[in-house]
Amino acid sequence: MYVTHFYENKTSVLSQLLVSLPIVEENIKIKGRKAKIVQITQMDDHNYHVSIIFEKVPKKQPLKEIGKKKR
């Protein structure tokens, strides 16, 4: 069992107790957001720090309604 700490830009996102370690370049989902593993650092026998990058989600533009007046 490994204690795995997930970090994004030095910010702790999640800490988990895992049976197997994730692999570099693996796509994972954390808190409903897609992420990619960049680096895995071993701190001691059972502690690992995993650096991740979240996928950027573009903001949706509101639809402009043609022909309606503002009241």
PDB file of N, CA and C in Angstrom:
ATOM      1  N   MET A   1       0.845  -1.180   0.000  1.00  0.00           N
ATOM      2  CA  MET A   1       0.000   0.000   0.000  1.00  0.00           C
ATOM      3  C   MET A   1       0.892   1.245   0.000  1.00  0.00           C
ATOM      4  N   TYR A   2       0.537   2.205  -0.825  1.00  0.00           N
ATOM      5  CA  TYR A   2       1.319   3.428  -0.983  1.00  0.00           C
ATOM      6  C   TYR A   2       0.453   4.648  -0.675  1.00  0.00           C
ATOM      7  N   VAL A   3       1.021   5.597   0.052  1.00  0.00           N
ATOM      8  CA  VAL A   3       0.351   6.871   0.287  1.00  0.00           C
ATOM      9  C   VAL A   3       0.732   7.775  -0.875  1.00  0.00           C
ATOM     10  N   THR A   4      -0.252   8.193  -1.644  1.00  0.00           N
ATOM     11  CA  THR A   4      -0.015   8.967  -2.854  1.00  0.00           C
ATOM     12  C   THR A   4      -0.640  10.347  -2.702  1.00  0.00           C
ATOM     13  N   HIS A   5       0.186  11.382  -2.869  1.00  0.00           N
ATOM     14  CA  HIS A   5      -0.268  12.770  -2.786  1.00  0.00           C
ATOM     15  C   HIS A   5      -0.228  13.357  -4.193  1.00  0.00           C
ATOM     16  N   PHE A   6      -1.358  13.859  -4.674  1.00  0.00           N
ATOM     17  CA  PHE A   6      -1.444  14.459  -6.001  1.00  0.00           C
ATOM     18  C   PHE A   6      -1.326  15.972  -5.859  1.00  0.00           C
ATOM     19  N   TYR A   7      -0.428  16.581  -6.654  1.00  0.00           N
ATOM     20  CA  TYR A   7      -0.170  18.016  -6.599  1.00  0.00           C
ATOM     21  C   TYR A   7      -0.309  18.630  -7.986  1.00  0.00           C
ATOM     22  N   GLU A   8      -0.877  19.845  -8.009  1.00  0.00           N
ATOM     23  CA  GLU A   8      -0.896  20.652  -9.217  1.00  0.00           C
ATOM     24  C   GLU A   8      -0.303  22.008  -8.850  1.00  0.00           C
ATOM     25  N   ASN A   9       0.851  22.330  -9.404  1.00  0.00           N
ATOM     26  CA  ASN A   9       1.552  23.590  -9.120  1.00  0.00           C
ATOM     27  C   ASN A   9       1.740  23.814  -7.619  1.00  0.00           C
ATOM     28  N   LYS A  10       2.280  22.858  -6.931  1.00  0.00           N
ATOM     29  CA  LYS A  10       2.565  22.907  -5.495  1.00  0.00           C
ATOM     30  C   LYS A  10       1.316  23.018  -4.631  1.00  0.00           C
ATOM     31  N   THR A  11       0.158  22.765  -5.190  1.00  0.00           N
ATOM     32  CA  THR A  11      -1.098  22.778  -4.457  1.00  0.00           C
ATOM     33  C   THR A  11      -1.593  21.341  -4.322  1.00  0.00           C
ATOM     34  N   SER A  12      -1.831  20.921  -3.098  1.00  0.00           N
ATOM     35  CA  SER A  12      -2.303  19.568  -2.869  1.00  0.00           C
ATOM     36  C   SER A  12      -3.742  19.438  -3.345  1.00  0.00           C
ATOM     37  N   VAL A  13      -3.989  18.455  -4.201  1.00  0.00           N
ATOM     38  CA  VAL A  13      -5.312  18.242  -4.759  1.00  0.00           C
ATOM     39  C   VAL A  13      -6.001  17.060  -4.082  1.00  0.00           C
ATOM     40  N   LEU A  14      -5.232  15.975  -3.845  1.00  0.00           N
ATOM     41  CA  LEU A  14      -5.821  14.755  -3.327  1.00  0.00           C
ATOM     42  C   LEU A  14      -4.737  13.895  -2.691  1.00  0.00           C
ATOM     43  N   SER A  15      -5.085  13.205  -1.616  1.00  0.00           N
ATOM     44  CA  SER A  15      -4.203  12.218  -1.001  1.00  0.00           C
ATOM     45  C   SER A  15      -4.962  10.897  -0.919  1.00  0.00           C
ATOM     46  N   GLN A  16      -4.327   9.834  -1.382  1.00  0.00           N
ATOM     47  CA  GLN A  16      -4.985   8.531  -1.431  1.00  0.00           C
ATOM     48  C   GLN A  16      -4.036   7.434  -0.967  1.00  0.00           C
ATOM     49  N   LEU A  17      -4.618   6.373  -0.456  1.00  0.00           N
ATOM     50  CA  LEU A  17      -3.886   5.160  -0.128  1.00  0.00           C
ATOM     51  C   LEU A  17      -4.167   4.176  -1.264  1.00  0.00           C
ATOM     52  N   LEU A  18      -3.142   3.900  -2.089  1.00  0.00           N
ATOM     53  CA  LEU A  18      -3.323   3.076  -3.281  1.00  0.00           C
ATOM     54  C   LEU A  18      -2.547   1.772  -3.180  1.00  0.00           C
ATOM     55  N   VAL A  19      -3.078   0.748  -3.844  1.00  0.00           N
ATOM     56  CA  VAL A  19      -2.407  -0.549  -3.893  1.00  0.00           C
ATOM     57  C   VAL A  19      -1.308  -0.527  -4.958  1.00  0.00           C
ATOM     58  N   SER A  20      -1.583   0.086  -6.110  1.00  0.00           N
ATOM     59  CA  SER A  20      -0.588   0.185  -7.180  1.00  0.00           C
ATOM     60  C   SER A  20      -0.398   1.654  -7.550  1.00  0.00           C
ATOM     61  N   LEU A  21       0.814   1.992  -7.956  1.00  0.00           N
ATOM     62  CA  LEU A  21       1.133   3.374  -8.304  1.00  0.00           C
ATOM     63  C   LEU A  21       0.686   3.692  -9.729  1.00  0.00           C
ATOM     64  N   PRO A  22       0.305   4.945  -9.988  1.00  0.00           N
ATOM     65  CA  PRO A  22      -0.019   5.340 -11.361  1.00  0.00           C
ATOM     66  C   PRO A  22       1.261   5.446 -12.195  1.00  0.00           C
ATOM     67  N   ILE A  23       1.096   5.548 -13.505  1.00  0.00           N
ATOM     68  CA  ILE A  23       2.216   5.594 -14.447  1.00  0.00           C
ATOM     69  C   ILE A  23       2.302   7.007 -15.027  1.00  0.00           C
ATOM     70  N   VAL A  24       3.524   7.453 -15.345  1.00  0.00           N
ATOM     71  CA  VAL A  24       3.719   8.756 -15.982  1.00  0.00           C
ATOM     72  C   VAL A  24       3.027   8.753 -17.342  1.00  0.00           C
ATOM     73  N   GLU A  25       2.442   9.891 -17.735  1.00  0.00           N
ATOM     74  CA  GLU A  25       1.686  10.081 -18.980  1.00  0.00           C
ATOM     75  C   GLU A  25       0.333   9.369 -18.971  1.00  0.00           C
ATOM     76  N   GLU A  26      -0.104   8.891 -17.819  1.00  0.00           N
ATOM     77  CA  GLU A  26      -1.408   8.245 -17.717  1.00  0.00           C
ATOM     78  C   GLU A  26      -2.490   9.308 -17.539  1.00  0.00           C
ATOM     79  N   ASN A  27      -3.628   9.109 -18.175  1.00  0.00           N
ATOM     80  CA  ASN A  27      -4.766  10.008 -18.013  1.00  0.00           C
ATOM     81  C   ASN A  27      -5.635   9.485 -16.879  1.00  0.00           C
ATOM     82  N   ILE A  28      -5.958  10.364 -15.933  1.00  0.00           N
ATOM     83  CA  ILE A  28      -6.781   9.983 -14.796  1.00  0.00           C
ATOM     84  C   ILE A  28      -7.864  11.020 -14.600  1.00  0.00           C
ATOM     85  N   LYS A  29      -8.830  10.716 -13.736  1.00  0.00           N
ATOM     86  CA  LYS A  29      -9.889  11.639 -13.379  1.00  0.00           C
ATOM     87  C   LYS A  29      -9.838  11.870 -11.884  1.00  0.00           C
ATOM     88  N   ILE A  30      -9.709  13.143 -11.483  1.00  0.00           N
ATOM     89  CA  ILE A  30      -9.686  13.516 -10.072  1.00  0.00           C
ATOM     90  C   ILE A  30     -10.778  14.545  -9.846  1.00  0.00           C
ATOM     91  N   LYS A  31     -11.679  14.240  -8.946  1.00  0.00           N
ATOM     92  CA  LYS A  31     -12.792  15.135  -8.611  1.00  0.00           C
ATOM     93  C   LYS A  31     -13.586  15.552  -9.842  1.00  0.00           C
ATOM     94  N   GLY A  32     -13.772  14.631 -10.786  1.00  0.00           N
ATOM     95  CA  GLY A  32     -14.565  14.900 -11.977  1.00  0.00           C
ATOM     96  C   GLY A  32     -13.846  15.674 -13.057  1.00  0.00           C
ATOM     97  N   ARG A  33     -12.549  15.923 -12.896  1.00  0.00           N
ATOM     98  CA  ARG A  33     -11.781  16.667 -13.890  1.00  0.00           C
ATOM     99  C   ARG A  33     -10.707  15.759 -14.478  1.00  0.00           C
ATOM    100  N   LYS A  34     -10.487  15.860 -15.780  1.00  0.00           N
ATOM    101  CA  LYS A  34      -9.473  15.058 -16.451  1.00  0.00           C
ATOM    102  C   LYS A  34      -8.095  15.638 -16.155  1.00  0.00           C
ATOM    103  N   ALA A  35      -7.145  14.750 -15.864  1.00  0.00           N
ATOM    104  CA  ALA A  35      -5.782  15.175 -15.554  1.00  0.00           C
ATOM    105  C   ALA A  35      -4.792  14.213 -16.187  1.00  0.00           C
ATOM    106  N   LYS A  36      -3.556  14.705 -16.361  1.00  0.00           N
ATOM    107  CA  LYS A  36      -2.488  13.892 -16.912  1.00  0.00           C
ATOM    108  C   LYS A  36      -1.331  13.908 -15.923  1.00  0.00           C
ATOM    109  N   ILE A  37      -0.748  12.746 -15.662  1.00  0.00           N
ATOM    110  CA  ILE A  37       0.362  12.636 -14.723  1.00  0.00           C
ATOM    111  C   ILE A  37       1.645  13.047 -15.424  1.00  0.00           C
ATOM    112  N   VAL A  38       2.382  13.971 -14.786  1.00  0.00           N
ATOM    113  CA  VAL A  38       3.601  14.507 -15.371  1.00  0.00           C
ATOM    114  C   VAL A  38       4.836  13.874 -14.739  1.00  0.00           C
ATOM    115  N   GLN A  39       4.830  13.737 -13.413  1.00  0.00           N
ATOM    116  CA  GLN A  39       6.025  13.280 -12.705  1.00  0.00           C
ATOM    117  C   GLN A  39       5.625  12.552 -11.430  1.00  0.00           C
ATOM    118  N   ILE A  40       6.407  11.538 -11.059  1.00  0.00           N
ATOM    119  CA  ILE A  40       6.204  10.817  -9.803  1.00  0.00           C
ATOM    120  C   ILE A  40       7.513  10.857  -9.027  1.00  0.00           C
ATOM    121  N   THR A  41       7.442  11.328  -7.766  1.00  0.00           N
ATOM    122  CA  THR A  41       8.622  11.454  -6.921  1.00  0.00           C
ATOM    123  C   THR A  41       8.435  10.579  -5.688  1.00  0.00           C
ATOM    124  N   GLN A  42       9.432   9.747  -5.387  1.00  0.00           N
ATOM    125  CA  GLN A  42       9.377   8.885  -4.212  1.00  0.00           C
ATOM    126  C   GLN A  42      10.003   9.619  -3.031  1.00  0.00           C
ATOM    127  N   MET A  43       9.237   9.804  -1.964  1.00  0.00           N
ATOM    128  CA  MET A  43       9.724  10.502  -0.781  1.00  0.00           C
ATOM    129  C   MET A  43      10.403   9.524   0.187  1.00  0.00           C
ATOM    130  N   ASP A  44       9.773   8.392   0.456  1.00  0.00           N
ATOM    131  CA  ASP A  44      10.375   7.305   1.230  1.00  0.00           C
ATOM    132  C   ASP A  44       9.735   5.999   0.752  1.00  0.00           C
ATOM    133  N   ASP A  45       9.794   4.944   1.564  1.00  0.00           N
ATOM    134  CA  ASP A  45       9.324   3.627   1.117  1.00  0.00           C
ATOM    135  C   ASP A  45       7.857   3.600   0.703  1.00  0.00           C
ATOM    136  N   HIS A  46       6.999   4.349   1.396  1.00  0.00           N
ATOM    137  CA  HIS A  46       5.562   4.254   1.146  1.00  0.00           C
ATOM    138  C   HIS A  46       4.913   5.577   0.733  1.00  0.00           C
ATOM    139  N   ASN A  47       5.658   6.663   0.670  1.00  0.00           N
ATOM    140  CA  ASN A  47       5.102   7.971   0.319  1.00  0.00           C
ATOM    141  C   ASN A  47       5.583   8.406  -1.063  1.00  0.00           C
ATOM    142  N   TYR A  48       4.619   8.837  -1.905  1.00  0.00           N
ATOM    143  CA  TYR A  48       4.928   9.290  -3.252  1.00  0.00           C
ATOM    144  C   TYR A  48       4.204  10.598  -3.519  1.00  0.00           C
ATOM    145  N   HIS A  49       4.881  11.512  -4.235  1.00  0.00           N
ATOM    146  CA  HIS A  49       4.273  12.756  -4.685  1.00  0.00           C
ATOM    147  C   HIS A  49       4.091  12.656  -6.197  1.00  0.00           C
ATOM    148  N   VAL A  50       2.875  12.912  -6.653  1.00  0.00           N
ATOM    149  CA  VAL A  50       2.548  12.812  -8.067  1.00  0.00           C
ATOM    150  C   VAL A  50       2.157  14.202  -8.563  1.00  0.00           C
ATOM    151  N   SER A  51       2.882  14.702  -9.567  1.00  0.00           N
ATOM    152  CA  SER A  51       2.563  15.994 -10.171  1.00  0.00           C
ATOM    153  C   SER A  51       1.615  15.762 -11.339  1.00  0.00           C
ATOM    154  N   ILE A  52       0.548  16.561 -11.389  1.00  0.00           N
ATOM    155  CA  ILE A  52      -0.451  16.409 -12.444  1.00  0.00           C
ATOM    156  C   ILE A  52      -0.733  17.756 -13.091  1.00  0.00           C
ATOM    157  N   ILE A  53      -1.335  17.696 -14.267  1.00  0.00           N
ATOM    158  CA  ILE A  53      -1.810  18.895 -14.968  1.00  0.00           C
ATOM    159  C   ILE A  53      -3.251  18.634 -15.361  1.00  0.00           C
ATOM    160  N   PHE A  54      -4.156  19.522 -14.938  1.00  0.00           N
ATOM    161  CA  PHE A  54      -5.561  19.391 -15.308  1.00  0.00           C
ATOM    162  C   PHE A  54      -5.769  19.884 -16.733  1.00  0.00           C
ATOM    163  N   GLU A  55      -6.721  19.257 -17.431  1.00  0.00           N
ATOM    164  CA  GLU A  55      -7.072  19.667 -18.780  1.00  0.00           C
ATOM    165  C   GLU A  55      -7.856  20.973 -18.713  1.00  0.00           C
ATOM    166  N   LYS A  56      -7.517  21.897 -19.574  1.00  0.00           N
ATOM    167  CA  LYS A  56      -8.209  23.186 -19.604  1.00  0.00           C
ATOM    168  C   LYS A  56      -9.577  23.017 -20.250  1.00  0.00           C
ATOM    169  N   VAL A  57     -10.599  23.543 -19.598  1.00  0.00           N
ATOM    170  CA  VAL A  57     -11.963  23.480 -20.116  1.00  0.00           C
ATOM    171  C   VAL A  57     -12.334  24.874 -20.611  1.00  0.00           C
ATOM    172  N   PRO A  58     -12.603  25.027 -21.910  1.00  0.00           N
ATOM    173  CA  PRO A  58     -12.954  26.350 -22.425  1.00  0.00           C
ATOM    174  C   PRO A  58     -14.332  26.779 -21.935  1.00  0.00           C
ATOM    175  N   LYS A  59     -14.446  28.057 -21.642  1.00  0.00           N
ATOM    176  CA  LYS A  59     -15.738  28.575 -21.201  1.00  0.00           C
ATOM    177  C   LYS A  59     -16.666  28.717 -22.402  1.00  0.00           C
ATOM    178  N   LYS A  60     -17.940  28.390 -22.195  1.00  0.00           N
ATOM    179  CA  LYS A  60     -18.913  28.468 -23.275  1.00  0.00           C
ATOM    180  C   LYS A  60     -19.419  29.897 -23.409  1.00  0.00           C
ATOM    181  N   GLN A  61     -19.527  30.353 -24.651  1.00  0.00           N
ATOM    182  CA  GLN A  61     -20.033  31.685 -24.928  1.00  0.00           C
ATOM    183  C   GLN A  61     -21.564  31.644 -24.925  1.00  0.00           C
ATOM    184  N   PRO A  62     -22.209  32.638 -24.305  1.00  0.00           N
ATOM    185  CA  PRO A  62     -23.678  32.650 -24.330  1.00  0.00           C
ATOM    186  C   PRO A  62     -24.195  32.930 -25.742  1.00  0.00           C
ATOM    187  N   LEU A  63     -25.333  32.321 -26.057  1.00  0.00           N
ATOM    188  CA  LEU A  63     -25.928  32.535 -27.377  1.00  0.00           C
ATOM    189  C   LEU A  63     -26.615  33.887 -27.426  1.00  0.00           C
ATOM    190  N   LYS A  64     -26.411  34.597 -28.500  1.00  0.00           N
ATOM    191  CA  LYS A  64     -27.059  35.879 -28.677  1.00  0.00           C
ATOM    192  C   LYS A  64     -28.385  35.655 -29.401  1.00  0.00           C
ATOM    193  N   GLU A  65     -29.441  36.143 -28.789  1.00  0.00           N
ATOM    194  CA  GLU A  65     -30.761  35.973 -29.398  1.00  0.00           C
ATOM    195  C   GLU A  65     -31.028  37.153 -30.327  1.00  0.00           C
ATOM    196  N   ILE A  66     -31.263  36.833 -31.564  1.00  0.00           N
ATOM    197  CA  ILE A  66     -31.475  37.855 -32.588  1.00  0.00           C
ATOM    198  C   ILE A  66     -32.963  38.233 -32.601  1.00  0.00           C
ATOM    199  N   GLY A  67     -33.220  39.519 -32.630  1.00  0.00           N
ATOM    200  CA  GLY A  67     -34.606  39.982 -32.763  1.00  0.00           C
ATOM    201  C   GLY A  67     -35.293  40.274 -31.443  1.00  0.00           C
ATOM    202  N   LYS A  68     -34.646  40.065 -30.324  1.00  0.00           N
ATOM    203  CA  LYS A  68     -35.287  40.356 -29.039  1.00  0.00           C
ATOM    204  C   LYS A  68     -34.707  41.659 -28.492  1.00  0.00           C
ATOM    205  N   LYS A  69     -35.591  42.472 -27.952  1.00  0.00           N
ATOM    206  CA  LYS A  69     -35.147  43.733 -27.366  1.00  0.00           C
ATOM    207  C   LYS A  69     -34.945  43.566 -25.875  1.00  0.00           C
ATOM    208  N   LYS A  70     -34.024  44.321 -25.368  1.00  0.00           N
ATOM    209  CA  LYS A  70     -33.782  44.315 -23.934  1.00  0.00           C
ATOM    210  C   LYS A  70     -34.845  45.173 -23.256  1.00  0.00           C
ATOM    211  N   ARG A  71     -35.415  44.709 -22.179  1.00  0.00           N
ATOM    212  CA  ARG A  71     -36.453  45.498 -21.500  1.00  0.00           C
ATOM    213  C   ARG A  71     -35.958  45.961 -20.171  1.00  0.00           C
TER     214      ARG A  71
END
